[in-house]
Protein backbone atom coordinates (compact mmCIF):
# COMPACT_ATOMS: atom_id res chain seq x y z
CA UNK A 1 32.73 169.12 -95.41
CA UNK A 2 33.22 166.97 -98.49
CA UNK A 3 35.91 164.54 -98.84
CA UNK A 4 37.63 164.87 -102.05
CA UNK A 5 40.20 162.55 -103.73
CA UNK A 6 41.82 163.43 -106.94
CA UNK A 7 43.12 160.88 -109.46
CA UNK A 8 46.68 160.34 -110.13
CA UNK A 9 48.15 163.14 -112.46
CA UNK A 10 51.37 162.05 -114.13
CA UNK A 11 53.98 163.05 -116.63
CA UNK A 12 52.85 164.33 -120.07
CA UNK A 13 54.57 165.51 -123.06
CA UNK A 14 54.04 169.10 -124.25
CA UNK A 15 51.03 169.28 -126.48
CA UNK A 16 49.49 166.28 -124.86
CA UNK A 17 46.20 165.84 -123.06
CA UNK A 18 45.27 164.60 -119.51
CA UNK A 19 41.96 164.34 -117.67
CA UNK A 20 42.00 164.64 -114.00
CA UNK A 21 39.08 163.35 -111.92
CA UNK A 22 38.02 164.11 -108.39
CA UNK A 23 35.72 161.78 -106.51
CA UNK A 24 33.66 163.37 -103.66
CA UNK A 25 31.86 161.95 -100.70
CA UNK A 26 30.73 163.09 -97.18
CA UNK A 27 28.18 165.63 -98.24
CA UNK A 28 25.45 166.02 -100.96
CA UNK A 29 27.79 166.42 -103.99
CA UNK A 30 24.87 167.35 -106.14
CA UNK A 31 24.39 170.64 -104.20
CA UNK A 32 28.06 171.51 -104.27
CA UNK A 33 30.00 173.95 -106.46
CA UNK A 34 33.12 172.09 -107.61
CA UNK A 35 36.33 173.73 -108.60
CA UNK A 36 39.98 173.22 -109.73
CA UNK A 37 42.88 175.05 -108.67
CA UNK A 38 46.64 174.54 -109.32
CA UNK A 39 49.95 175.58 -107.60
CA UNK A 40 53.19 175.66 -109.17
CA UNK A 41 56.39 175.64 -107.04
CA UNK A 42 57.06 179.10 -105.54
CA UNK A 43 53.64 180.40 -106.80
CA UNK A 44 50.33 181.04 -105.13
CA UNK A 45 47.44 178.66 -105.62
CA UNK A 46 45.61 179.69 -108.86
CA UNK A 47 41.98 179.25 -109.88
CA UNK A 48 41.27 177.30 -112.93
CA UNK A 49 37.50 176.62 -113.24
CA UNK A 50 34.39 175.88 -111.30
CA UNK A 51 31.10 174.36 -112.10
CA UNK A 52 27.66 174.80 -110.54
CA UNK A 53 25.91 171.89 -108.83
CA UNK A 54 23.46 171.66 -111.76
CA UNK A 55 26.39 171.18 -114.16
CA UNK A 56 24.74 173.95 -116.40
CA UNK A 57 26.95 176.81 -115.40
CA UNK A 58 30.76 177.07 -115.42
CA UNK A 59 33.27 179.89 -115.08
CA UNK A 60 36.92 179.91 -115.91
CA UNK A 61 40.07 181.97 -115.13
CA UNK A 62 40.53 184.02 -118.31
CA UNK A 63 44.00 182.39 -118.75
CA UNK A 64 42.49 178.88 -118.70
CA UNK A 65 39.88 179.24 -121.19
CA UNK A 66 40.14 177.26 -124.50
CA UNK A 67 42.58 174.62 -123.22
CA UNK A 68 40.80 173.41 -119.96
CA UNK A 69 37.22 172.22 -119.53
CA UNK A 70 35.39 171.28 -116.26
CA UNK A 71 32.63 168.87 -116.09
CA UNK A 72 30.84 166.79 -113.56
CA UNK A 73 28.99 163.53 -113.38
CA UNK A 74 26.55 163.57 -110.23
CA UNK A 75 25.55 160.04 -110.65
CA UNK A 76 29.35 159.21 -109.95
CA UNK A 77 29.94 162.08 -107.42
CA UNK A 78 32.86 162.99 -109.71
CA UNK A 79 34.17 166.19 -111.28
CA UNK A 80 36.67 166.17 -114.18
CA UNK A 81 39.18 168.60 -115.58
CA UNK A 82 40.15 167.86 -119.29
CA UNK A 83 43.44 169.56 -120.20
CA UNK A 84 44.43 169.88 -123.63
CA UNK A 85 47.55 171.33 -125.55
CA UNK A 86 49.43 171.10 -122.41
CA UNK A 87 52.62 173.28 -121.77
CA UNK A 88 55.51 173.03 -119.43
CA UNK A 89 54.15 175.99 -117.58
CA UNK A 90 51.12 173.85 -116.69
CA UNK A 91 53.27 171.82 -114.50
CA UNK A 92 51.78 172.21 -110.94
CA UNK A 93 49.92 170.30 -108.22
CA UNK A 94 46.18 170.33 -109.23
CA UNK A 95 43.63 170.52 -106.47
CA UNK A 96 39.77 169.96 -106.65
CA UNK A 97 37.69 172.06 -104.26
CA UNK A 98 34.09 172.21 -103.09
CA UNK A 99 31.84 174.79 -101.65
CA UNK A 100 28.15 175.52 -101.22
CA UNK A 101 28.14 178.81 -103.00
CA UNK A 102 28.08 179.31 -106.60
CA UNK A 103 29.30 182.87 -107.73
CA UNK A 104 31.62 183.64 -110.61
CA UNK A 105 33.41 185.97 -108.36
CA UNK A 106 34.62 183.27 -106.13
CA UNK A 107 37.92 182.49 -107.45
CA UNK A 108 40.14 182.74 -104.24
CA UNK A 109 41.27 179.48 -102.43
CA UNK A 110 39.49 180.95 -99.36
CA UNK A 111 36.27 180.85 -101.20
CA UNK A 112 36.10 177.03 -101.13
CA UNK A 113 35.78 175.06 -97.85
CA UNK A 114 36.82 171.53 -98.87
CA UNK A 115 39.94 170.43 -100.57
CA UNK A 116 41.45 167.42 -102.09
CA UNK A 117 45.20 166.37 -101.26
CA UNK A 118 46.32 167.43 -104.73
CA UNK A 119 47.83 165.60 -107.60
CA UNK A 120 51.13 166.42 -109.46
CA UNK A 121 50.99 167.13 -113.14
CA UNK A 122 54.38 167.42 -114.90
CA UNK A 123 54.52 168.58 -118.50
CA UNK A 124 57.84 168.06 -120.32
CA UNK A 125 59.21 168.89 -123.64
């Protein structure tokens, strides 16, 4: 399994932007599908986006399209989540995840075998 470590999140004002990163080690990062999820208090973990090992294919939850962008840098074994026009409802713990399979139907937490520890993002007015 991969070991994944997310960057520190933080407090952001509504309308602002934040980029999260996730550094991977322990397996061949370049052959892994990488994903981002989030979990707000009292809610289930929610899929945001995933990117194929080649970096040429991505898929997003419909509700995340437009404001969130996933990317990766295989030379740095790092995946990124750029978040723009943040809203208070984006407040959550954000997790990166990894798995060997790439399929746009794989959006459940159980579809990913490796997880980071999560990082808190808080968006305030």
